[in-house]
Amino acid sequence: MSAGYTVGTWSGLPNYSCEICPYATTDRETMIEHVFIHRRPPLPLARVSSYVLGPDGRPAPIPSISKPGEG
């Protein structure tokens, strides 16, 4: 696996350029953190739960839905 960045020079300083996007910096640690962000797994999608409140303000039971012909 490559480092995820290339090293060149800019005004006599080392210049670290991301291989994935146009980001560049003269600080190696900052570039390492930047590349890590590209490589981390995506966050899981939030689970959405919904319910209907009854007249007392508490969650009401969800009625079951039967298939046609099952009653």
C-alpha atoms as a PDB file:
ATOM      1  CA  MET A   1       0.000   0.000   0.000  1.00  0.00           C
ATOM      2  CA  SER A   2       1.359   3.402  -0.909  1.00  0.00           C
ATOM      3  CA  ALA A   3       1.679   6.213   1.606  1.00  0.00           C
ATOM      4  CA  GLY A   4      -1.224   8.004  -0.094  1.00  0.00           C
ATOM      5  CA  TYR A   5       0.824  11.105  -0.835  1.00  0.00           C
ATOM      6  CA  THR A   6       3.811  12.246  -2.863  1.00  0.00           C
ATOM      7  CA  VAL A   7       6.644  14.504  -1.732  1.00  0.00           C
ATOM      8  CA  GLY A   8       7.948  17.411  -3.768  1.00  0.00           C
ATOM      9  CA  THR A   9       9.273  20.842  -2.875  1.00  0.00           C
ATOM     10  CA  TRP A  10       7.678  24.250  -2.559  1.00  0.00           C
ATOM     11  CA  SER A  11       9.872  27.303  -1.940  1.00  0.00           C
ATOM     12  CA  GLY A  12      12.615  25.016  -0.654  1.00  0.00           C
ATOM     13  CA  LEU A  13      10.278  23.210   1.776  1.00  0.00           C
ATOM     14  CA  PRO A  14       8.992  19.654   1.503  1.00  0.00           C
ATOM     15  CA  ASN A  15       5.530  19.659  -0.052  1.00  0.00           C
ATOM     16  CA  TYR A  16       3.251  16.690   0.603  1.00  0.00           C
ATOM     17  CA  SER A  17       0.497  16.232  -2.009  1.00  0.00           C
ATOM     18  CA  CYS A  18      -2.467  13.903  -1.544  1.00  0.00           C
ATOM     19  CA  GLU A  19      -2.808  11.233  -4.247  1.00  0.00           C
ATOM     20  CA  ILE A  20      -6.603  11.180  -3.858  1.00  0.00           C
ATOM     21  CA  CYS A  21      -7.556  14.863  -3.901  1.00  0.00           C
ATOM     22  CA  PRO A  22      -5.888  18.254  -4.595  1.00  0.00           C
ATOM     23  CA  TYR A  23      -4.890  18.810  -0.920  1.00  0.00           C
ATOM     24  CA  ALA A  24      -1.238  19.703  -0.223  1.00  0.00           C
ATOM     25  CA  THR A  25       0.684  20.793   2.873  1.00  0.00           C
ATOM     26  CA  THR A  26       4.251  21.335   4.024  1.00  0.00           C
ATOM     27  CA  ASP A  27       3.599  19.374   7.255  1.00  0.00           C
ATOM     28  CA  ARG A  28       4.059  15.592   7.043  1.00  0.00           C
ATOM     29  CA  GLU A  29       1.959  14.778  10.151  1.00  0.00           C
ATOM     30  CA  THR A  30      -0.928  16.841   8.811  1.00  0.00           C
ATOM     31  CA  MET A  31      -0.745  14.908   5.527  1.00  0.00           C
ATOM     32  CA  ILE A  32      -0.708  11.564   7.343  1.00  0.00           C
ATOM     33  CA  GLU A  33      -3.875  12.568   9.228  1.00  0.00           C
ATOM     34  CA  HIS A  34      -5.451  13.752   5.954  1.00  0.00           C
ATOM     35  CA  VAL A  35      -4.742  10.441   4.189  1.00  0.00           C
ATOM     36  CA  PHE A  36      -6.104   8.524   7.189  1.00  0.00           C
ATOM     37  CA  ILE A  37      -9.450  10.318   6.756  1.00  0.00           C
ATOM     38  CA  HIS A  38      -9.629   9.104   3.139  1.00  0.00           C
ATOM     39  CA  ARG A  39      -8.915   5.515   4.203  1.00  0.00           C
ATOM     40  CA  ARG A  40     -11.204   5.123   7.209  1.00  0.00           C
ATOM     41  CA  PRO A  41     -14.357   3.097   6.648  1.00  0.00           C
ATOM     42  CA  PRO A  42     -17.538   5.079   6.099  1.00  0.00           C
ATOM     43  CA  LEU A  43     -19.761   5.667   9.099  1.00  0.00           C
ATOM     44  CA  PRO A  44     -22.783   3.364   9.305  1.00  0.00           C
ATOM     45  CA  LEU A  45     -26.112   4.860   8.374  1.00  0.00           C
ATOM     46  CA  ALA A  46     -28.226   5.886  11.318  1.00  0.00           C
ATOM     47  CA  ARG A  47     -31.072   3.572  12.112  1.00  0.00           C
ATOM     48  CA  VAL A  48     -34.362   5.369  11.928  1.00  0.00           C
ATOM     49  CA  SER A  49     -37.140   4.216  14.157  1.00  0.00           C
ATOM     50  CA  SER A  50     -40.570   5.705  14.039  1.00  0.00           C
ATOM     51  CA  TYR A  51     -43.707   5.129  16.005  1.00  0.00           C
ATOM     52  CA  VAL A  52     -47.108   6.625  16.547  1.00  0.00           C
ATOM     53  CA  LEU A  53     -48.009   8.125  19.896  1.00  0.00           C
ATOM     54  CA  GLY A  54     -51.294   7.162  21.472  1.00  0.00           C
ATOM     55  CA  PRO A  55     -53.649   9.564  23.263  1.00  0.00           C
ATOM     56  CA  ASP A  56     -51.662   9.099  26.476  1.00  0.00           C
ATOM     57  CA  GLY A  57     -48.429  10.235  24.766  1.00  0.00           C
ATOM     58  CA  ARG A  58     -46.847   6.780  24.860  1.00  0.00           C
ATOM     59  CA  PRO A  59     -45.965   4.714  21.782  1.00  0.00           C
ATOM     60  CA  ALA A  60     -49.066   3.028  20.404  1.00  0.00           C
ATOM     61  CA  PRO A  61     -48.907  -0.621  19.327  1.00  0.00           C
ATOM     62  CA  ILE A  62     -48.310  -1.025  15.624  1.00  0.00           C
ATOM     63  CA  PRO A  63     -51.117  -3.027  14.040  1.00  0.00           C
ATOM     64  CA  SER A  64     -50.052  -5.998  11.987  1.00  0.00           C
ATOM     65  CA  ILE A  65     -50.887  -5.922   8.321  1.00  0.00           C
ATOM     66  CA  SER A  66     -52.160  -9.155   6.898  1.00  0.00           C
ATOM     67  CA  LYS A  67     -51.651 -10.260   3.329  1.00  0.00           C
ATOM     68  CA  PRO A  68     -54.678 -10.365   1.055  1.00  0.00           C
ATOM     69  CA  GLY A  69     -56.689 -13.522   1.624  1.00  0.00           C
ATOM     70  CA  GLU A  70     -55.310 -14.118   5.151  1.00  0.00           C
ATOM     71  CA  GLY A  71     -58.228 -12.557   6.960  1.00  0.00           C
END
